[in-house]
Amino acid sequence: MKQQVAFQIDQNDNVATALMELTAASVKLRGDAKQKYILASENIPQGHKIALKDIKSGQQIIKYGIVIGQATQDIKQGQWVHLHCMASLYDERSSQLDVKTGVPQDIKYE
């Protein structure tokens, strides 16, 4: 099996970005990572975030060394971090998008 890889942009980040689709297994961390490996606890799509530590509901999601959002539920280390468990601080509409397809859920097409 090819080594799974995620990228931590800044040492203060509590998420890293999946450089490929991840499965529930060991993931090598590259970039400005404090640790060398993390265990993914579920499948995570390429380009999405993996939690580097436990994040409680209401806590900040940090990427690029800055706050990008807030957890809307408890997130365990190794879990997928996306619109289903966080709210973006930069895009108010993102909470209305389908997690997998990105299709707006707040618009009715007839």
PDB file of N, CA and C in Angstrom:
ATOM      1  N   MET A   1       0.846  -1.184   0.000  1.00  0.00           N
ATOM      2  CA  MET A   1       0.000   0.000   0.000  1.00  0.00           C
ATOM      3  C   MET A   1       0.894   1.251   0.000  1.00  0.00           C
ATOM      4  N   LYS A   2       0.555   2.204  -0.822  1.00  0.00           N
ATOM      5  CA  LYS A   2       1.303   3.449  -0.903  1.00  0.00           C
ATOM      6  C   LYS A   2       1.132   4.250   0.394  1.00  0.00           C
ATOM      7  N   GLN A   3       2.220   4.884   0.857  1.00  0.00           N
ATOM      8  CA  GLN A   3       2.183   5.688   2.080  1.00  0.00           C
ATOM      9  C   GLN A   3       1.204   6.855   1.923  1.00  0.00           C
ATOM     10  N   GLN A   4       0.275   6.975   2.848  1.00  0.00           N
ATOM     11  CA  GLN A   4      -0.677   8.084   2.847  1.00  0.00           C
ATOM     12  C   GLN A   4       0.019   9.328   3.394  1.00  0.00           C
ATOM     13  N   VAL A   5      -0.313  10.500   2.836  1.00  0.00           N
ATOM     14  CA  VAL A   5       0.377  11.727   3.220  1.00  0.00           C
ATOM     15  C   VAL A   5      -0.618  12.869   3.400  1.00  0.00           C
ATOM     16  N   ALA A   6      -0.376  13.669   4.444  1.00  0.00           N
ATOM     17  CA  ALA A   6      -1.117  14.914   4.679  1.00  0.00           C
ATOM     18  C   ALA A   6      -0.090  16.005   4.952  1.00  0.00           C
ATOM     19  N   PHE A   7      -0.489  17.255   4.761  1.00  0.00           N
ATOM     20  CA  PHE A   7       0.427  18.385   4.881  1.00  0.00           C
ATOM     21  C   PHE A   7      -0.069  19.362   5.944  1.00  0.00           C
ATOM     22  N   GLN A   8       0.783  19.617   6.935  1.00  0.00           N
ATOM     23  CA  GLN A   8       0.493  20.613   7.965  1.00  0.00           C
ATOM     24  C   GLN A   8       1.215  21.896   7.563  1.00  0.00           C
ATOM     25  N   ILE A   9       0.467  22.957   7.356  1.00  0.00           N
ATOM     26  CA  ILE A   9       1.033  24.198   6.837  1.00  0.00           C
ATOM     27  C   ILE A   9       1.828  24.956   7.893  1.00  0.00           C
ATOM     28  N   ASP A  10       1.323  25.032   9.110  1.00  0.00           N
ATOM     29  CA  ASP A  10       1.947  25.809  10.186  1.00  0.00           C
ATOM     30  C   ASP A  10       1.951  24.980  11.468  1.00  0.00           C
ATOM     31  N   GLN A  11       2.968  25.142  12.288  1.00  0.00           N
ATOM     32  CA  GLN A  11       3.063  24.377  13.548  1.00  0.00           C
ATOM     33  C   GLN A  11       1.866  24.580  14.460  1.00  0.00           C
ATOM     34  N   ASN A  12       1.205  25.726  14.373  1.00  0.00           N
ATOM     35  CA  ASN A  12       0.058  26.006  15.244  1.00  0.00           C
ATOM     36  C   ASN A  12      -1.258  25.432  14.724  1.00  0.00           C
ATOM     37  N   ASP A  13      -1.249  24.854  13.521  1.00  0.00           N
ATOM     38  CA  ASP A  13      -2.475  24.293  12.946  1.00  0.00           C
ATOM     39  C   ASP A  13      -2.951  23.094  13.762  1.00  0.00           C
ATOM     40  N   ASN A  14      -4.283  22.960  13.865  1.00  0.00           N
ATOM     41  CA  ASN A  14      -4.832  21.758  14.494  1.00  0.00           C
ATOM     42  C   ASN A  14      -5.479  20.840  13.452  1.00  0.00           C
ATOM     43  N   VAL A  15      -5.250  21.163  12.164  1.00  0.00           N
ATOM     44  CA  VAL A  15      -5.666  20.313  11.053  1.00  0.00           C
ATOM     45  C   VAL A  15      -4.538  20.254  10.021  1.00  0.00           C
ATOM     46  N   ALA A  16      -4.540  19.186   9.240  1.00  0.00           N
ATOM     47  CA  ALA A  16      -3.620  19.057   8.098  1.00  0.00           C
ATOM     48  C   ALA A  16      -4.474  18.724   6.880  1.00  0.00           C
ATOM     49  N   THR A  17      -3.930  18.940   5.692  1.00  0.00           N
ATOM     50  CA  THR A  17      -4.655  18.703   4.445  1.00  0.00           C
ATOM     51  C   THR A  17      -4.233  17.370   3.828  1.00  0.00           C
ATOM     52  N   ALA A  18      -5.219  16.551   3.485  1.00  0.00           N
ATOM     53  CA  ALA A  18      -4.954  15.262   2.847  1.00  0.00           C
ATOM     54  C   ALA A  18      -4.437  15.496   1.430  1.00  0.00           C
ATOM     55  N   LEU A  19      -3.231  15.004   1.130  1.00  0.00           N
ATOM     56  CA  LEU A  19      -2.658  15.161  -0.204  1.00  0.00           C
ATOM     57  C   LEU A  19      -3.136  14.075  -1.164  1.00  0.00           C
ATOM     58  N   MET A  20      -3.894  13.137  -0.644  1.00  0.00           N
ATOM     59  CA  MET A  20      -4.502  12.052  -1.427  1.00  0.00           C
ATOM     60  C   MET A  20      -5.708  11.584  -0.627  1.00  0.00           C
ATOM     61  N   GLU A  21      -6.555  10.786  -1.222  1.00  0.00           N
ATOM     62  CA  GLU A  21      -7.654  10.226  -0.447  1.00  0.00           C
ATOM     63  C   GLU A  21      -7.061   9.345   0.649  1.00  0.00           C
ATOM     64  N   LEU A  22      -7.505   9.561   1.884  1.00  0.00           N
ATOM     65  CA  LEU A  22      -6.981   8.806   3.022  1.00  0.00           C
ATOM     66  C   LEU A  22      -7.982   7.740   3.453  1.00  0.00           C
ATOM     67  N   THR A  23      -7.452   6.607   3.881  1.00  0.00           N
ATOM     68  CA  THR A  23      -8.272   5.571   4.493  1.00  0.00           C
ATOM     69  C   THR A  23      -7.906   5.503   5.969  1.00  0.00           C
ATOM     70  N   ALA A  24      -8.677   4.779   6.730  1.00  0.00           N
ATOM     71  CA  ALA A  24      -8.430   4.647   8.167  1.00  0.00           C
ATOM     72  C   ALA A  24      -7.146   3.848   8.380  1.00  0.00           C
ATOM     73  N   ALA A  25      -6.035   4.564   8.478  1.00  0.00           N
ATOM     74  CA  ALA A  25      -4.712   3.954   8.627  1.00  0.00           C
ATOM     75  C   ALA A  25      -3.704   5.056   8.958  1.00  0.00           C
ATOM     76  N   SER A  26      -2.453   4.687   9.063  1.00  0.00           N
ATOM     77  CA  SER A  26      -1.384   5.633   9.362  1.00  0.00           C
ATOM     78  C   SER A  26      -1.198   6.624   8.212  1.00  0.00           C
ATOM     79  N   VAL A  27      -0.957   7.896   8.586  1.00  0.00           N
ATOM     80  CA  VAL A  27      -0.753   8.975   7.608  1.00  0.00           C
ATOM     81  C   VAL A  27       0.536   9.702   7.965  1.00  0.00           C
ATOM     82  N   LYS A  28       1.437   9.836   7.006  1.00  0.00           N
ATOM     83  CA  LYS A  28       2.670  10.595   7.207  1.00  0.00           C
ATOM     84  C   LYS A  28       2.346  12.074   7.095  1.00  0.00           C
ATOM     85  N   LEU A  29       2.856  12.859   8.042  1.00  0.00           N
ATOM     86  CA  LEU A  29       2.660  14.309   8.012  1.00  0.00           C
ATOM     87  C   LEU A  29       3.901  14.985   7.466  1.00  0.00           C
ATOM     88  N   ARG A  30       3.695  15.883   6.527  1.00  0.00           N
ATOM     89  CA  ARG A  30       4.770  16.682   5.955  1.00  0.00           C
ATOM     90  C   ARG A  30       4.511  18.145   6.261  1.00  0.00           C
ATOM     91  N   GLY A  31       5.480  18.993   5.894  1.00  0.00           N
ATOM     92  CA  GLY A  31       5.320  20.427   6.132  1.00  0.00           C
ATOM     93  C   GLY A  31       5.872  20.810   7.483  1.00  0.00           C
ATOM     94  N   ASP A  32       5.193  21.725   8.138  1.00  0.00           N
ATOM     95  CA  ASP A  32       5.633  22.252   9.434  1.00  0.00           C
ATOM     96  C   ASP A  32       5.004  21.442  10.572  1.00  0.00           C
ATOM     97  N   ALA A  33       5.100  20.121  10.466  1.00  0.00           N
ATOM     98  CA  ALA A  33       4.423  19.218  11.397  1.00  0.00           C
ATOM     99  C   ALA A  33       5.204  19.029  12.691  1.00  0.00           C
ATOM    100  N   LYS A  34       4.475  18.977  13.802  1.00  0.00           N
ATOM    101  CA  LYS A  34       5.067  18.710  15.114  1.00  0.00           C
ATOM    102  C   LYS A  34       5.271  17.212  15.313  1.00  0.00           C
ATOM    103  N   GLN A  35       4.484  16.409  14.629  1.00  0.00           N
ATOM    104  CA  GLN A  35       4.593  14.957  14.735  1.00  0.00           C
ATOM    105  C   GLN A  35       4.800  14.393  13.338  1.00  0.00           C
ATOM    106  N   LYS A  36       5.325  13.172  13.253  1.00  0.00           N
ATOM    107  CA  LYS A  36       5.640  12.586  11.945  1.00  0.00           C
ATOM    108  C   LYS A  36       4.482  11.808  11.350  1.00  0.00           C
ATOM    109  N   TYR A  37       3.636  11.240  12.208  1.00  0.00           N
ATOM    110  CA  TYR A  37       2.526  10.413  11.746  1.00  0.00           C
ATOM    111  C   TYR A  37       1.285  10.696  12.568  1.00  0.00           C
ATOM    112  N   ILE A  38       0.143  10.394  11.960  1.00  0.00           N
ATOM    113  CA  ILE A  38      -1.145  10.449  12.660  1.00  0.00           C
ATOM    114  C   ILE A  38      -1.968   9.274  12.143  1.00  0.00           C
ATOM    115  N   LEU A  39      -2.897   8.814  12.927  1.00  0.00           N
ATOM    116  CA  LEU A  39      -3.753   7.715  12.516  1.00  0.00           C
ATOM    117  C   LEU A  39      -5.102   8.284  12.081  1.00  0.00           C
ATOM    118  N   ALA A  40      -5.430   8.142  10.796  1.00  0.00           N
ATOM    119  CA  ALA A  40      -6.750   8.547  10.300  1.00  0.00           C
ATOM    120  C   ALA A  40      -7.761   7.535  10.821  1.00  0.00           C
ATOM    121  N   SER A  41      -8.865   8.020  11.371  1.00  0.00           N
ATOM    122  CA  SER A  41      -9.867   7.125  11.941  1.00  0.00           C
ATOM    123  C   SER A  41     -11.018   6.838  10.969  1.00  0.00           C
ATOM    124  N   GLU A  42     -10.987   7.496   9.802  1.00  0.00           N
ATOM    125  CA  GLU A  42     -12.030   7.288   8.799  1.00  0.00           C
ATOM    126  C   GLU A  42     -11.485   7.725   7.440  1.00  0.00           C
ATOM    127  N   ASN A  43     -12.223   7.448   6.387  1.00  0.00           N
ATOM    128  CA  ASN A  43     -11.827   7.897   5.063  1.00  0.00           C
ATOM    129  C   ASN A  43     -11.960   9.407   4.972  1.00  0.00           C
ATOM    130  N   ILE A  44     -10.977  10.048   4.341  1.00  0.00           N
ATOM    131  CA  ILE A  44     -10.956  11.500   4.196  1.00  0.00           C
ATOM    132  C   ILE A  44     -10.624  11.815   2.737  1.00  0.00           C
ATOM    133  N   PRO A  45     -11.497  12.583   2.063  1.00  0.00           N
ATOM    134  CA  PRO A  45     -11.239  12.900   0.653  1.00  0.00           C
ATOM    135  C   PRO A  45      -9.973  13.741   0.467  1.00  0.00           C
ATOM    136  N   GLN A  46      -9.348  13.590  -0.686  1.00  0.00           N
ATOM    137  CA  GLN A  46      -8.175  14.393  -1.033  1.00  0.00           C
ATOM    138  C   GLN A  46      -8.535  15.875  -0.971  1.00  0.00           C
ATOM    139  N   GLY A  47      -7.626  16.668  -0.379  1.00  0.00           N
ATOM    140  CA  GLY A  47      -7.830  18.106  -0.273  1.00  0.00           C
ATOM    141  C   GLY A  47      -8.611  18.526   0.949  1.00  0.00           C
ATOM    142  N   HIS A  48      -9.151  17.564   1.691  1.00  0.00           N
ATOM    143  CA  HIS A  48      -9.916  17.882   2.894  1.00  0.00           C
ATOM    144  C   HIS A  48      -9.001  17.807   4.117  1.00  0.00           C
ATOM    145  N   LYS A  49      -9.531  18.176   5.272  1.00  0.00           N
ATOM    146  CA  LYS A  49      -8.726  18.301   6.487  1.00  0.00           C
ATOM    147  C   LYS A  49      -8.871  17.087   7.395  1.00  0.00           C
ATOM    148  N   ILE A  50      -7.766  16.766   8.092  1.00  0.00           N
ATOM    149  CA  ILE A  50      -7.740  15.749   9.136  1.00  0.00           C
ATOM    150  C   ILE A  50      -7.373  16.450  10.439  1.00  0.00           C
ATOM    151  N   ALA A  51      -8.083  16.113  11.521  1.00  0.00           N
ATOM    152  CA  ALA A  51      -7.811  16.710  12.832  1.00  0.00           C
ATOM    153  C   ALA A  51      -6.509  16.158  13.400  1.00  0.00           C
ATOM    154  N   LEU A  52      -5.614  17.056  13.797  1.00  0.00           N
ATOM    155  CA  LEU A  52      -4.327  16.651  14.371  1.00  0.00           C
ATOM    156  C   LEU A  52      -4.413  16.415  15.866  1.00  0.00           C
ATOM    157  N   LYS A  53      -5.506  16.872  16.474  1.00  0.00           N
ATOM    158  CA  LYS A  53      -5.744  16.654  17.903  1.00  0.00           C
ATOM    159  C   LYS A  53      -7.239  16.748  18.129  1.00  0.00           C
ATOM    160  N   ASP A  54      -7.697  16.384  19.315  1.00  0.00           N
ATOM    161  CA  ASP A  54      -9.108  16.532  19.652  1.00  0.00           C
ATOM    162  C   ASP A  54      -9.477  18.013  19.646  1.00  0.00           C
ATOM    163  N   ILE A  55     -10.625  18.331  19.051  1.00  0.00           N
ATOM    164  CA  ILE A  55     -11.128  19.704  18.998  1.00  0.00           C
ATOM    165  C   ILE A  55     -12.553  19.674  19.539  1.00  0.00           C
ATOM    166  N   LYS A  56     -12.798  20.398  20.592  1.00  0.00           N
ATOM    167  CA  LYS A  56     -14.124  20.436  21.216  1.00  0.00           C
ATOM    168  C   LYS A  56     -15.068  21.338  20.432  1.00  0.00           C
ATOM    169  N   SER A  57     -16.349  21.049  20.517  1.00  0.00           N
ATOM    170  CA  SER A  57     -17.358  21.897  19.896  1.00  0.00           C
ATOM    171  C   SER A  57     -17.187  23.331  20.397  1.00  0.00           C
ATOM    172  N   GLY A  58     -17.186  24.280  19.464  1.00  0.00           N
ATOM    173  CA  GLY A  58     -16.997  25.693  19.814  1.00  0.00           C
ATOM    174  C   GLY A  58     -15.556  26.160  19.710  1.00  0.00           C
ATOM    175  N   GLN A  59     -14.600  25.223  19.661  1.00  0.00           N
ATOM    176  CA  GLN A  59     -13.197  25.612  19.546  1.00  0.00           C
ATOM    177  C   GLN A  59     -12.853  25.994  18.108  1.00  0.00           C
ATOM    178  N   GLN A  60     -11.771  26.721  17.975  1.00  0.00           N
ATOM    179  CA  GLN A  60     -11.325  27.214  16.677  1.00  0.00           C
ATOM    180  C   GLN A  60     -10.674  26.109  15.850  1.00  0.00           C
ATOM    181  N   ILE A  61     -10.890  26.194  14.528  1.00  0.00           N
ATOM    182  CA  ILE A  61     -10.182  25.356  13.566  1.00  0.00           C
ATOM    183  C   ILE A  61      -9.069  26.240  13.015  1.00  0.00           C
ATOM    184  N   ILE A  62      -7.817  25.782  13.135  1.00  0.00           N
ATOM    185  CA  ILE A  62      -6.666  26.596  12.740  1.00  0.00           C
ATOM    186  C   ILE A  62      -5.936  25.918  11.583  1.00  0.00           C
ATOM    187  N   LYS A  63      -5.786  26.682  10.490  1.00  0.00           N
ATOM    188  CA  LYS A  63      -5.059  26.246   9.302  1.00  0.00           C
ATOM    189  C   LYS A  63      -4.329  27.469   8.767  1.00  0.00           C
ATOM    190  N   TYR A  64      -3.172  27.314   8.179  1.00  0.00           N
ATOM    191  CA  TYR A  64      -2.324  28.431   7.720  1.00  0.00           C
ATOM    192  C   TYR A  64      -1.829  29.263   8.899  1.00  0.00           C
ATOM    193  N   GLY A  65      -1.948  28.724  10.126  1.00  0.00           N
ATOM    194  CA  GLY A  65      -1.572  29.473  11.318  1.00  0.00           C
ATOM    195  C   GLY A  65      -2.617  30.499  11.740  1.00  0.00           C
ATOM    196  N   ILE A  66      -3.790  30.468  11.093  1.00  0.00           N
ATOM    197  CA  ILE A  66      -4.866  31.412  11.434  1.00  0.00           C
ATOM    198  C   ILE A  66      -6.175  30.654  11.642  1.00  0.00           C
ATOM    199  N   VAL A  67      -7.109  31.270  12.304  1.00  0.00           N
ATOM    200  CA  VAL A  67      -8.416  30.670  12.540  1.00  0.00           C
ATOM    201  C   VAL A  67      -9.222  30.733  11.244  1.00  0.00           C
ATOM    202  N   ILE A  68      -9.678  29.570  10.774  1.00  0.00           N
ATOM    203  CA  ILE A  68     -10.500  29.525   9.554  1.00  0.00           C
ATOM    204  C   ILE A  68     -11.945  29.166   9.843  1.00  0.00           C
ATOM    205  N   GLY A  69     -12.218  28.674  11.056  1.00  0.00           N
ATOM    206  CA  GLY A  69     -13.577  28.262  11.374  1.00  0.00           C
ATOM    207  C   GLY A  69     -13.707  27.855  12.823  1.00  0.00           C
ATOM    208  N   GLN A  70     -14.880  27.287  13.109  1.00  0.00           N
ATOM    209  CA  GLN A  70     -15.194  26.876  14.469  1.00  0.00           C
ATOM    210  C   GLN A  70     -15.862  25.502  14.411  1.00  0.00           C
ATOM    211  N   ALA A  71     -15.482  24.628  15.317  1.00  0.00           N
ATOM    212  CA  ALA A  71     -16.077  23.296  15.383  1.00  0.00           C
ATOM    213  C   ALA A  71     -17.530  23.405  15.822  1.00  0.00           C
ATOM    214  N   THR A  72     -18.426  22.717  15.129  1.00  0.00           N
ATOM    215  CA  THR A  72     -19.843  22.707  15.486  1.00  0.00           C
ATOM    216  C   THR A  72     -20.205  21.456  16.282  1.00  0.00           C
ATOM    217  N   GLN A  73     -19.238  20.571  16.452  1.00  0.00           N
ATOM    218  CA  GLN A  73     -19.388  19.367  17.274  1.00  0.00           C
ATOM    219  C   GLN A  73     -17.995  18.931  17.698  1.00  0.00           C
ATOM    220  N   ASP A  74     -17.923  18.027  18.660  1.00  0.00           N
ATOM    221  CA  ASP A  74     -16.622  17.503  19.061  1.00  0.00           C
ATOM    222  C   ASP A  74     -15.996  16.739  17.899  1.00  0.00           C
ATOM    223  N   ILE A  75     -14.698  16.949  17.683  1.00  0.00           N
ATOM    224  CA  ILE A  75     -13.957  16.285  16.615  1.00  0.00           C
ATOM    225  C   ILE A  75     -12.784  15.563  17.271  1.00  0.00           C
ATOM    226  N   LYS A  76     -12.653  14.291  17.014  1.00  0.00           N
ATOM    227  CA  LYS A  76     -11.562  13.497  17.573  1.00  0.00           C
ATOM    228  C   LYS A  76     -10.342  13.542  16.647  1.00  0.00           C
ATOM    229  N   GLN A  77      -9.174  13.407  17.246  1.00  0.00           N
ATOM    230  CA  GLN A  77      -7.933  13.326  16.471  1.00  0.00           C
ATOM    231  C   GLN A  77      -8.085  12.240  15.411  1.00  0.00           C
ATOM    232  N   GLY A  78      -7.683  12.560  14.174  1.00  0.00           N
ATOM    233  CA  GLY A  78      -7.744  11.596  13.085  1.00  0.00           C
ATOM    234  C   GLY A  78      -9.028  11.632  12.277  1.00  0.00           C
ATOM    235  N   GLN A  79     -10.013  12.417  12.719  1.00  0.00           N
ATOM    236  CA  GLN A  79     -11.274  12.490  11.992  1.00  0.00           C
ATOM    237  C   GLN A  79     -11.237  13.521  10.863  1.00  0.00           C
ATOM    238  N   TRP A  80     -12.165  13.351   9.941  1.00  0.00           N
ATOM    239  CA  TRP A  80     -12.370  14.250   8.816  1.00  0.00           C
ATOM    240  C   TRP A  80     -12.954  15.559   9.341  1.00  0.00           C
ATOM    241  N   VAL A  81     -12.363  16.679   8.944  1.00  0.00           N
ATOM    242  CA  VAL A  81     -12.845  18.007   9.348  1.00  0.00           C
ATOM    243  C   VAL A  81     -13.338  18.705   8.088  1.00  0.00           C
ATOM    244  N   HIS A  82     -14.655  18.949   8.043  1.00  0.00           N
ATOM    245  CA  HIS A  82     -15.264  19.591   6.871  1.00  0.00           C
ATOM    246  C   HIS A  82     -16.581  20.225   7.314  1.00  0.00           C
ATOM    247  N   LEU A  83     -17.416  20.586   6.379  1.00  0.00           N
ATOM    248  CA  LEU A  83     -18.640  21.338   6.659  1.00  0.00           C
ATOM    249  C   LEU A  83     -19.627  20.619   7.572  1.00  0.00           C
ATOM    250  N   HIS A  84     -19.522  19.317   7.697  1.00  0.00           N
ATOM    251  CA  HIS A  84     -20.429  18.564   8.560  1.00  0.00           C
ATOM    252  C   HIS A  84     -20.096  18.733  10.044  1.00  0.00           C
ATOM    253  N   CYS A  85     -18.902  19.255  10.356  1.00  0.00           N
ATOM    254  CA  CYS A  85     -18.498  19.371  11.767  1.00  0.00           C
ATOM    255  C   CYS A  85     -17.853  20.717  12.088  1.00  0.00           C
ATOM    256  N   MET A  86     -17.873  21.648  11.128  1.00  0.00           N
ATOM    257  CA  MET A  86     -17.299  22.973  11.369  1.00  0.00           C
ATOM    258  C   MET A  86     -18.070  24.028  10.578  1.00  0.00           C
ATOM    259  N   ALA A  87     -17.968  25.254  11.034  1.00  0.00           N
ATOM    260  CA  ALA A  87     -18.537  26.398  10.321  1.00  0.00           C
ATOM    261  C   ALA A  87     -17.382  27.290   9.891  1.00  0.00           C
ATOM    262  N   SER A  88     -17.385  27.673   8.635  1.00  0.00           N
ATOM    263  CA  SER A  88     -16.347  28.549   8.108  1.00  0.00           C
ATOM    264  C   SER A  88     -16.548  29.966   8.620  1.00  0.00           C
ATOM    265  N   LEU A  89     -15.472  30.646   8.940  1.00  0.00           N
ATOM    266  CA  LEU A  89     -15.555  32.048   9.333  1.00  0.00           C
ATOM    267  C   LEU A  89     -15.414  32.965   8.127  1.00  0.00           C
ATOM    268  N   TYR A  90     -15.139  32.377   6.963  1.00  0.00           N
ATOM    269  CA  TYR A  90     -14.918  33.172   5.760  1.00  0.00           C
ATOM    270  C   TYR A  90     -16.048  33.060   4.750  1.00  0.00           C
ATOM    271  N   ASP A  91     -16.857  32.037   4.866  1.00  0.00           N
ATOM    272  CA  ASP A  91     -17.908  31.812   3.902  1.00  0.00           C
ATOM    273  C   ASP A  91     -19.181  31.409   4.638  1.00  0.00           C
ATOM    274  N   GLU A  92     -20.045  32.379   4.922  1.00  0.00           N
ATOM    275  CA  GLU A  92     -21.274  32.098   5.665  1.00  0.00           C
ATOM    276  C   GLU A  92     -22.163  31.101   4.936  1.00  0.00           C
ATOM    277  N   ARG A  93     -22.079  31.061   3.641  1.00  0.00           N
ATOM    278  CA  ARG A  93     -22.951  30.188   2.856  1.00  0.00           C
ATOM    279  C   ARG A  93     -22.486  28.734   2.887  1.00  0.00           C
ATOM    280  N   SER A  94     -21.247  28.480   3.254  1.00  0.00           N
ATOM    281  CA  SER A  94     -20.712  27.114   3.190  1.00  0.00           C
ATOM    282  C   SER A  94     -21.526  26.130   4.016  1.00  0.00           C
ATOM    283  N   SER A  95     -22.191  26.588   5.072  1.00  0.00           N
ATOM    284  CA  SER A  95     -22.989  25.675   5.891  1.00  0.00           C
ATOM    285  C   SER A  95     -24.242  25.200   5.150  1.00  0.00           C
ATOM    286  N   GLN A  96     -24.555  25.798   4.006  1.00  0.00           N
ATOM    287  CA  GLN A  96     -25.728  25.407   3.216  1.00  0.00           C
ATOM    288  C   GLN A  96     -25.363  24.519   2.029  1.00  0.00           C
ATOM    289  N   LEU A  97     -24.083  24.123   1.925  1.00  0.00           N
ATOM    290  CA  LEU A  97     -23.638  23.303   0.804  1.00  0.00           C
ATOM    291  C   LEU A  97     -23.584  21.830   1.185  1.00  0.00           C
ATOM    292  N   ASP A  98     -23.947  20.958   0.247  1.00  0.00           N
ATOM    293  CA  ASP A  98     -23.842  19.527   0.474  1.00  0.00           C
ATOM    294  C   ASP A  98     -22.376  19.166   0.726  1.00  0.00           C
ATOM    295  N   VAL A  99     -22.118  18.385   1.742  1.00  0.00           N
ATOM    296  CA  VAL A  99     -20.755  18.055   2.157  1.00  0.00           C
ATOM    297  C   VAL A  99     -19.967  17.358   1.047  1.00  0.00           C
ATOM    298  N   LYS A 100     -20.592  16.474   0.316  1.00  0.00           N
ATOM    299  CA  LYS A 100     -19.874  15.706  -0.708  1.00  0.00           C
ATOM    300  C   LYS A 100     -19.848  16.390  -2.071  1.00  0.00           C
ATOM    301  N   THR A 101     -20.973  16.993  -2.484  1.00  0.00           N
ATOM    302  CA  THR A 101     -21.058  17.521  -3.846  1.00  0.00           C
ATOM    303  C   THR A 101     -20.842  19.025  -3.938  1.00  0.00           C
ATOM    304  N   GLY A 102     -21.057  19.759  -2.839  1.00  0.00           N
ATOM    305  CA  GLY A 102     -20.953  21.209  -2.867  1.00  0.00           C
ATOM    306  C   GLY A 102     -22.191  21.892  -3.411  1.00  0.00           C
ATOM    307  N   VAL A 103     -23.241  21.128  -3.704  1.00  0.00           N
ATOM    308  CA  VAL A 103     -24.485  21.685  -4.239  1.00  0.00           C
ATOM    309  C   VAL A 103     -25.205  22.460  -3.130  1.00  0.00           C
ATOM    310  N   PRO A 104     -25.678  23.685  -3.425  1.00  0.00           N
ATOM    311  CA  PRO A 104     -26.415  24.468  -2.425  1.00  0.00           C
ATOM    312  C   PRO A 104     -27.691  23.737  -1.985  1.00  0.00           C
ATOM    313  N   GLN A 105     -27.920  23.682  -0.693  1.00  0.00           N
ATOM    314  CA  GLN A 105     -29.108  23.044  -0.147  1.00  0.00           C
ATOM    315  C   GLN A 105     -30.175  24.068   0.222  1.00  0.00           C
ATOM    316  N   ASP A 106     -29.863  25.354   0.100  1.00  0.00           N
ATOM    317  CA  ASP A 106     -30.796  26.405   0.483  1.00  0.00           C
ATOM    318  C   ASP A 106     -31.552  26.988  -0.712  1.00  0.00           C
ATOM    319  N   ILE A 107     -31.389  26.380  -1.879  1.00  0.00           N
ATOM    320  CA  ILE A 107     -32.062  26.857  -3.088  1.00  0.00           C
ATOM    321  C   ILE A 107     -32.935  25.719  -3.615  1.00  0.00           C
ATOM    322  N   LYS A 108     -34.176  26.023  -3.911  1.00  0.00           N
ATOM    323  CA  LYS A 108     -35.094  25.023  -4.475  1.00  0.00           C
ATOM    324  C   LYS A 108     -35.173  25.247  -5.974  1.00  0.00           C
ATOM    325  N   TYR A 109     -34.817  24.238  -6.738  1.00  0.00           N
ATOM    326  CA  TYR A 109     -34.896  24.308  -8.195  1.00  0.00           C
ATOM    327  C   TYR A 109     -36.160  23.559  -8.634  1.00  0.00           C
ATOM    328  N   GLU A 110     -36.965  24.212  -9.463  1.00  0.00           N
ATOM    329  CA  GLU A 110     -38.196  23.552  -9.931  1.00  0.00           C
ATOM    330  C   GLU A 110     -38.260  23.533 -11.409  1.00  0.00           C
TER     331      GLU A 110
END
